[in-house]
PDB file of N, CA and C in Angstrom:
ATOM      1  N   MET A   1     -42.973 -65.063-120.406  1.00  0.00           N
ATOM      2  CA  MET A   1     -43.293 -65.978-119.299  1.00  0.00           C
ATOM      3  C   MET A   1     -42.234 -65.897-118.213  1.00  0.00           C
ATOM      4  N   LYS A   2     -40.979 -65.792-118.642  1.00  0.00           N
ATOM      5  CA  LYS A   2     -39.879 -65.714-117.680  1.00  0.00           C
ATOM      6  C   LYS A   2     -40.015 -64.472-116.807  1.00  0.00           C
ATOM      7  N   GLY A   3     -40.467 -63.357-117.428  1.00  0.00           N
ATOM      8  CA  GLY A   3     -40.658 -62.115-116.674  1.00  0.00           C
ATOM      9  C   GLY A   3     -41.732 -62.276-115.615  1.00  0.00           C
ATOM     10  N   LEU A   4     -42.792 -63.009-115.956  1.00  0.00           N
ATOM     11  CA  LEU A   4     -43.889 -63.222-115.017  1.00  0.00           C
ATOM     12  C   LEU A   4     -43.406 -64.002-113.797  1.00  0.00           C
ATOM     13  N   ILE A   5     -42.609 -65.040-114.057  1.00  0.00           N
ATOM     14  CA  ILE A   5     -42.081 -65.865-112.967  1.00  0.00           C
ATOM     15  C   ILE A   5     -41.171 -65.049-112.051  1.00  0.00           C
ATOM     16  N   SER A   6     -40.401 -64.145-112.645  1.00  0.00           N
ATOM     17  CA  SER A   6     -39.475 -63.332-111.842  1.00  0.00           C
ATOM     18  C   SER A   6     -40.241 -62.332-110.979  1.00  0.00           C
ATOM     19  N   GLU A   7     -41.475 -61.999-111.386  1.00  0.00           N
ATOM     20  CA  GLU A   7     -42.266 -61.034-110.622  1.00  0.00           C
ATOM     21  C   GLU A   7     -43.114 -61.697-109.545  1.00  0.00           C
ATOM     22  N   LEU A   8     -43.191 -63.023-109.565  1.00  0.00           N
ATOM     23  CA  LEU A   8     -44.012 -63.741-108.584  1.00  0.00           C
ATOM     24  C   LEU A   8     -43.630 -63.462-107.138  1.00  0.00           C
ATOM     25  N   PRO A   9     -42.328 -63.489-106.787  1.00  0.00           N
ATOM     26  CA  PRO A   9     -41.952 -63.185-105.393  1.00  0.00           C
ATOM     27  C   PRO A   9     -42.464 -61.824-104.934  1.00  0.00           C
ATOM     28  N   THR A  10     -42.459 -60.853-105.835  1.00  0.00           N
ATOM     29  CA  THR A  10     -42.946 -59.516-105.496  1.00  0.00           C
ATOM     30  C   THR A  10     -44.438 -59.565-105.172  1.00  0.00           C
ATOM     31  N   ALA A  11     -45.180 -60.322-105.967  1.00  0.00           N
ATOM     32  CA  ALA A  11     -46.621 -60.456-105.757  1.00  0.00           C
ATOM     33  C   ALA A  11     -46.892 -61.126-104.409  1.00  0.00           C
ATOM     34  N   THR A  12     -46.118 -62.154-104.094  1.00  0.00           N
ATOM     35  CA  THR A  12     -46.282 -62.849-102.815  1.00  0.00           C
ATOM     36  C   THR A  12     -46.001 -61.899-101.660  1.00  0.00           C
ATOM     37  N   GLN A  13     -44.962 -61.088-101.813  1.00  0.00           N
ATOM     38  CA  GLN A  13     -44.598 -60.114-100.784  1.00  0.00           C
ATOM     39  C   GLN A  13     -45.736 -59.114-100.587  1.00  0.00           C
ATOM     40  N   LEU A  14     -46.335 -58.696-101.698  1.00  0.00           N
ATOM     41  CA  LEU A  14     -47.427 -57.733-101.644  1.00  0.00           C
ATOM     42  C   LEU A  14     -48.615 -58.322-100.892  1.00  0.00           C
ATOM     43  N   VAL A  15     -48.928 -59.577-101.170  1.00  0.00           N
ATOM     44  CA  VAL A  15     -50.040 -60.255-100.483  1.00  0.00           C
ATOM     45  C   VAL A  15     -49.753 -60.339 -98.987  1.00  0.00           C
ATOM     46  N   GLU A  16     -48.511 -60.651 -98.631  1.00  0.00           N
ATOM     47  CA  GLU A  16     -48.148 -60.741 -97.213  1.00  0.00           C
ATOM     48  C   GLU A  16     -48.293 -59.394 -96.525  1.00  0.00           C
ATOM     49  N   GLU A  17     -47.879 -58.323 -97.203  1.00  0.00           N
ATOM     50  CA  GLU A  17     -47.998 -56.971 -96.647  1.00  0.00           C
ATOM     51  C   GLU A  17     -49.464 -56.612 -96.433  1.00  0.00           C
ATOM     52  N   CYS A  18     -50.303 -56.938 -97.416  1.00  0.00           N
ATOM     53  CA  CYS A  18     -51.748 -56.663 -97.299  1.00  0.00           C
ATOM     54  C   CYS A  18     -52.340 -57.454 -96.143  1.00  0.00           C
ATOM     55  N   HIS A  19     -51.903 -58.703 -95.978  1.00  0.00           N
ATOM     56  CA  HIS A  19     -52.406 -59.551 -94.895  1.00  0.00           C
ATOM     57  C   HIS A  19     -52.002 -58.985 -93.546  1.00  0.00           C
ATOM     58  N   LYS A  20     -50.760 -58.494 -93.454  1.00  0.00           N
ATOM     59  CA  LYS A  20     -50.288 -57.885 -92.200  1.00  0.00           C
ATOM     60  C   LYS A  20     -51.109 -56.642 -91.882  1.00  0.00           C
ATOM     61  N   LEU A  21     -51.370 -55.845 -92.913  1.00  0.00           N
ATOM     62  CA  LEU A  21     -52.147 -54.621 -92.736  1.00  0.00           C
ATOM     63  C   LEU A  21     -53.563 -54.953 -92.270  1.00  0.00           C
ATOM     64  N   LEU A  22     -54.186 -55.958 -92.895  1.00  0.00           N
ATOM     65  CA  LEU A  22     -55.530 -56.381 -92.498  1.00  0.00           C
ATOM     66  C   LEU A  22     -55.540 -56.869 -91.054  1.00  0.00           C
ATOM     67  N   SER A  23     -54.537 -57.647 -90.678  1.00  0.00           N
ATOM     68  CA  SER A  23     -54.450 -58.156 -89.309  1.00  0.00           C
ATOM     69  C   SER A  23     -54.327 -57.010 -88.313  1.00  0.00           C
ATOM     70  N   ALA A  24     -53.540 -56.001 -88.658  1.00  0.00           N
ATOM     71  CA  ALA A  24     -53.361 -54.844 -87.787  1.00  0.00           C
ATOM     72  C   ALA A  24     -54.678 -54.091 -87.618  1.00  0.00           C
ATOM     73  N   ILE A  25     -55.398 -53.897 -88.717  1.00  0.00           N
ATOM     74  CA  ILE A  25     -56.689 -53.201 -88.660  1.00  0.00           C
ATOM     75  C   ILE A  25     -57.678 -53.991 -87.812  1.00  0.00           C
ATOM     76  N   VAL A  26     -57.736 -55.292 -88.023  1.00  0.00           N
ATOM     77  CA  VAL A  26     -58.658 -56.149 -87.265  1.00  0.00           C
ATOM     78  C   VAL A  26     -58.345 -56.089 -85.777  1.00  0.00           C
ATOM     79  N   SER A  27     -57.066 -56.145 -85.420  1.00  0.00           N
ATOM     80  CA  SER A  27     -56.697 -56.103 -83.998  1.00  0.00           C
ATOM     81  C   SER A  27     -57.008 -54.734 -83.395  1.00  0.00           C
ATOM     82  N   LEU A  28     -56.855 -53.690 -84.206  1.00  0.00           N
ATOM     83  CA  LEU A  28     -57.173 -52.341 -83.728  1.00  0.00           C
ATOM     84  C   LEU A  28     -58.677 -52.187 -83.480  1.00  0.00           C
ATOM     85  N   LEU A  29     -59.464 -52.764 -84.369  1.00  0.00           N
ATOM     86  CA  LEU A  29     -60.924 -52.669 -84.234  1.00  0.00           C
ATOM     87  C   LEU A  29     -61.444 -53.606 -83.147  1.00  0.00           C
ATOM     88  N   GLY A  30     -60.632 -54.586 -82.778  1.00  0.00           N
ATOM     89  CA  GLY A  30     -61.009 -55.489 -81.697  1.00  0.00           C
ATOM     90  C   GLY A  30     -61.919 -56.631 -82.134  1.00  0.00           C
ATOM     91  N   PHE A  31     -61.839 -57.021 -83.409  1.00  0.00           N
ATOM     92  CA  PHE A  31     -62.653 -58.140 -83.882  1.00  0.00           C
ATOM     93  C   PHE A  31     -62.078 -59.458 -83.397  1.00  0.00           C
TER      94      PHE A  31
END
């Protein structure tokens, strides 16, 4: 369980990166 908690920040970072990528694609497509 402790290992899972220590990996949570990484997961959050990954979600933020994916969100940034999606935002970039959307702005490029002009939606």
